[in-house]
């Protein structure tokens, strides 16, 4: 799990952060500012200093924050000057945007704030539609606007070129004042809250920041995203009263507290309107409930809160007193106690029980040396002490009462009878609402039960907040947040910290990672840490292994009592019959294992069935089986058995077990039996060939020395594949043992260096379905299609009906983690509602409507999560989409292994410190590019080739051990009228696959001219390609016909590859799984990467 941070502010205004991978608090030092409170997200932290200004701290990362500025230079031809800047009055500006409507000269671009810096000067872009242009980057057309080409023609009367310049955000791991002078808030700020990173359909990297001024006004920060972490401007949000505190959750929910103590909720928040539309009238936000604290330091939990019911259903009172409560990632709750101002974490918070069970005090030592530094404007007055300001904020007797205080509940039951001192009611309007305000957005109050303000509210049986000595307390109003008894208990430098504020919005924890944990009153004893448990478990295993080895060696000279043993396991299954009519039939299945005098184990598989009232059987020797694969089928728990002969036929033995557990038991037993018969033990070798199926299952094959033997290499159908634990979308490795993989959620994983490193692995993927509609002149676009149309709810092909209700997870091992939502991230673009338009089904879709568009569709997505185990360790913190490792030879003496990758945002990265002992490496080095990339490959002599998202090909020059990132990119022309999607580089060979499934070979690549001269077509019907350290070529073929059936995703090996003929002669077809004709249809195909 990536390292995350918990942020806190002590009563002296000093900011600390505690890492989930660390053991102590790190102070952010500054000699000028004292902070009042902070609000954190995963990538940054916002804070309010004692000068009432907002500051931003963006976490440092190996991947820099870059933003591309662009403008276009336009010229027109005339017979006197040729192409010049003299344009017609009706023409566009000489310097403009892409549309020509906005005037954008080079000197009009300024840095947004002092936190940015320019990377370099302006330069002309010499790439146009995946093809290199002539020197200068000009593109030509007959007039403005028109279709531009990179070639100049006789009728080219105008031309333009694009100028680019990048700016980088430099104020990272330091505090920068927000906003700039141009967009400053008119009033000082008293409270802030950030969230919104999980808003439905929200683009990645977007955040919502809400602020409350001292006058009770609410402001929203516009434009916060990955490329603009500071945001662009403030927008005032109308409110019906004076707000004292606001809280923004990770989703669409925002709650605010009025001065009178009433709670109101913002509604209408979404992708197109992140600031919402109105208020309907919680405090800290979680997925299904809110936490609040009142002026009497009582803590309350609001049940049943979600996007469909933002007001919730009822209040639950908690035992104890807290001065503030905060909710972090995965609904974990943090709080500060009233007595010692200690930090507490709520225990037992789960998706099914958001209120938790009890609290646990956390205490970690402070590090006075580590920290970060402040930049930007620091104009705080040292005489305005943070402590004195807190004391001035403390309300007197005439302050606001706790109007609207909810009544305590136990399991949803009403609390004590309401006292006469309560002033608010569930139906009363917000007090002080003027007639002018009433014409604004409508408000309604949360249904708050009345209660009596008691000094120590206790509800019998309610979940409590436990402290070391007594219950802890909290406050509801932001101006009644701090209880200052500093005169009685001085806060020394070496004493325990007294906290004033905590923010867990960027902290993701599943357990307690810090060692110094204080035992609470709830009889919670300290348990053994996970590290101690792992060490103890490892020690026990080593002792058992030594004992077994010692006892075996002492009795090794004794004669065997039994020379040969036979072991049989039987069961009943169903078999998909080989002949027509194909159907499932009941059979008896048996595995017979035996060992000979030499100790070698072997076995036979028997399948007994009846045909025409005659008993018959099939059999297969275990040492002839090449792979066991589970097959996805909604109706049955099926798996397939392949031998070399059945691989040629593309027709395996297909069996179905009665339960999923029985299927996995048989698969585990059969896999162990096959490994024993072939003498395969332990982890995969360094020379292993890896492959990933379309389901994410990982398989590995140990290549024999005769695999590349000439003239008769070992056929691919005889290769034995065994499954490795884990779940990946692609895998990449080399012959020195460095293996990396990438999951469907773009998480990078490295193969553990030892066999006992079995870790928990998670993966998240999206399931897509399509909503289809056809236009008619009466009703417009509706779900009433023609009889020949596709299903109105279908998959991408339109052949299979897929509705929201009946669409299931890929397998029972997956669980849903989100609801269905419209997916706006389709490559062709969508309109504001997510629709794509076309002339008919199927056709080319676009994101805008024209007069000829009679059908439309939109994609719905829902995320599901898988938890499994395998020998994989997570490589934080950057999400990746592609990875490539130098294909070293087995006898290579490379100390540091070059590794390149593509982030999910398209950035090119180089991993430093990758060795056989540290396969995960140490840090990332960002390689600058002019556009987003999608594929990268590094080969012999440090040749680095990459493909951009627009299909253009690039070669990285001057890459070496001393200069791992190289110097510059060289644009390589693509094959004629083709766009490449994947590239693979071997020792001297470069192969690529285009979007139409064609395989290309780069000719004339030499050490003196590594770019080569041209592309040569080798084959079609190719999905992926992988070139090995000896220029071996492996592919995943799309479809391969066998004697009995058709296989999809077939592993193929190129035969005849040698130095004089690097392209080879023909293909040798290996394992590939046929589409099953079983209603409902299920299939498995090896559509992932294969690497030798």
Foldseek 3Di string as FASTA:
>chain_A
DDKWWWWFAFLQQWIWIDILPDFAIETADDDFWGWQEWADAQFWIWTQTPVLFIKIAGADALDWQKDKDKKKAKWFADPPPGTDLDDDPPAAHRIGHPQSPGHDDPVVDDDQDPQKDWPDHKDWDQADLQFGAPPPAKWFDQGPPDDTDRDDDPNGGMIMTMIMTMMTGRRHLAIATPDDPVADDPARWQEKEKAQCPEFQADHFDMWMWTAGPQQWIKIAADDGRNHPRGDHIDTDDDQARWQYKYDYNYLWIWTAHQQQFIKIAAQDHRVHNPGDFIAAAHADDAAWHWFAALLQWIKIAGGDHNVRNLGDAIATAFFGFADWHAAPQLKIWTAFQPQRFIKTAAQCHPVRSPGFEIWTDFGHHDHPGGGYYDYDRDHDPVSGSNVVLVVLADDPPGHDNALAAAHDDPRHGHDAADPVHDDAQADDDPPRDPVNCVGGDYGHRGGHHHDSDNGDDDPPGRYYFAAPGGGGHHHGSSSRDDDPCVVPPDDPRDTTNTRYIYRHNPDDDDDSHDPIDGTPPPDDDDDDPVVVVVVVVVVVVVVVVVVVVVCVVCVPDDDPDFKDKDKDKDKWWWQDQDPPTDTDIWIKMKIWMAHNVGQIWIKIKIWDADPNDIDIDMDILLQWADKAFFFDPPFGKIWTAGLVCQQQLHTIMITDPDNVVSVVVRVVSLVNSCRNVVHDDDDALAWKWFAWCFQWIKIWDDDPQQQDPPDRDFQARTHIDTFWDGFQFKEHANQRWIWGAHQQLWIKTFALHRPQKDKDKGKHKDKKKAKWFQDPPPGTDLDDDPPFAHRIGHPQSPGHDDQVPDDPSDPQKAFDFHKGWHQPDPQGAPPRQKWWDQGPPDDTHHDDDPNTGMIMTMIITMIMGMIMGRIDTQDDFRFQEKEWEHDDNPDPDAWTWMWTATPQQWIWTAAQDGSNRNSGDRINTADDPAGWREWYAEAPRWIWTARPSQWIWTAADDDPVRNNGDDIDTDRDAPPWRWRYWEYENQWIWTATPQAWIWTAADQDPVRNSGDHIDTQDGQFQDWYAHNQRWIWTQGAWDHHNNAIFGRWIKTAHQDDPVRNSGDDIRTYGGHGWDPDVVTITMHRNYDIYD
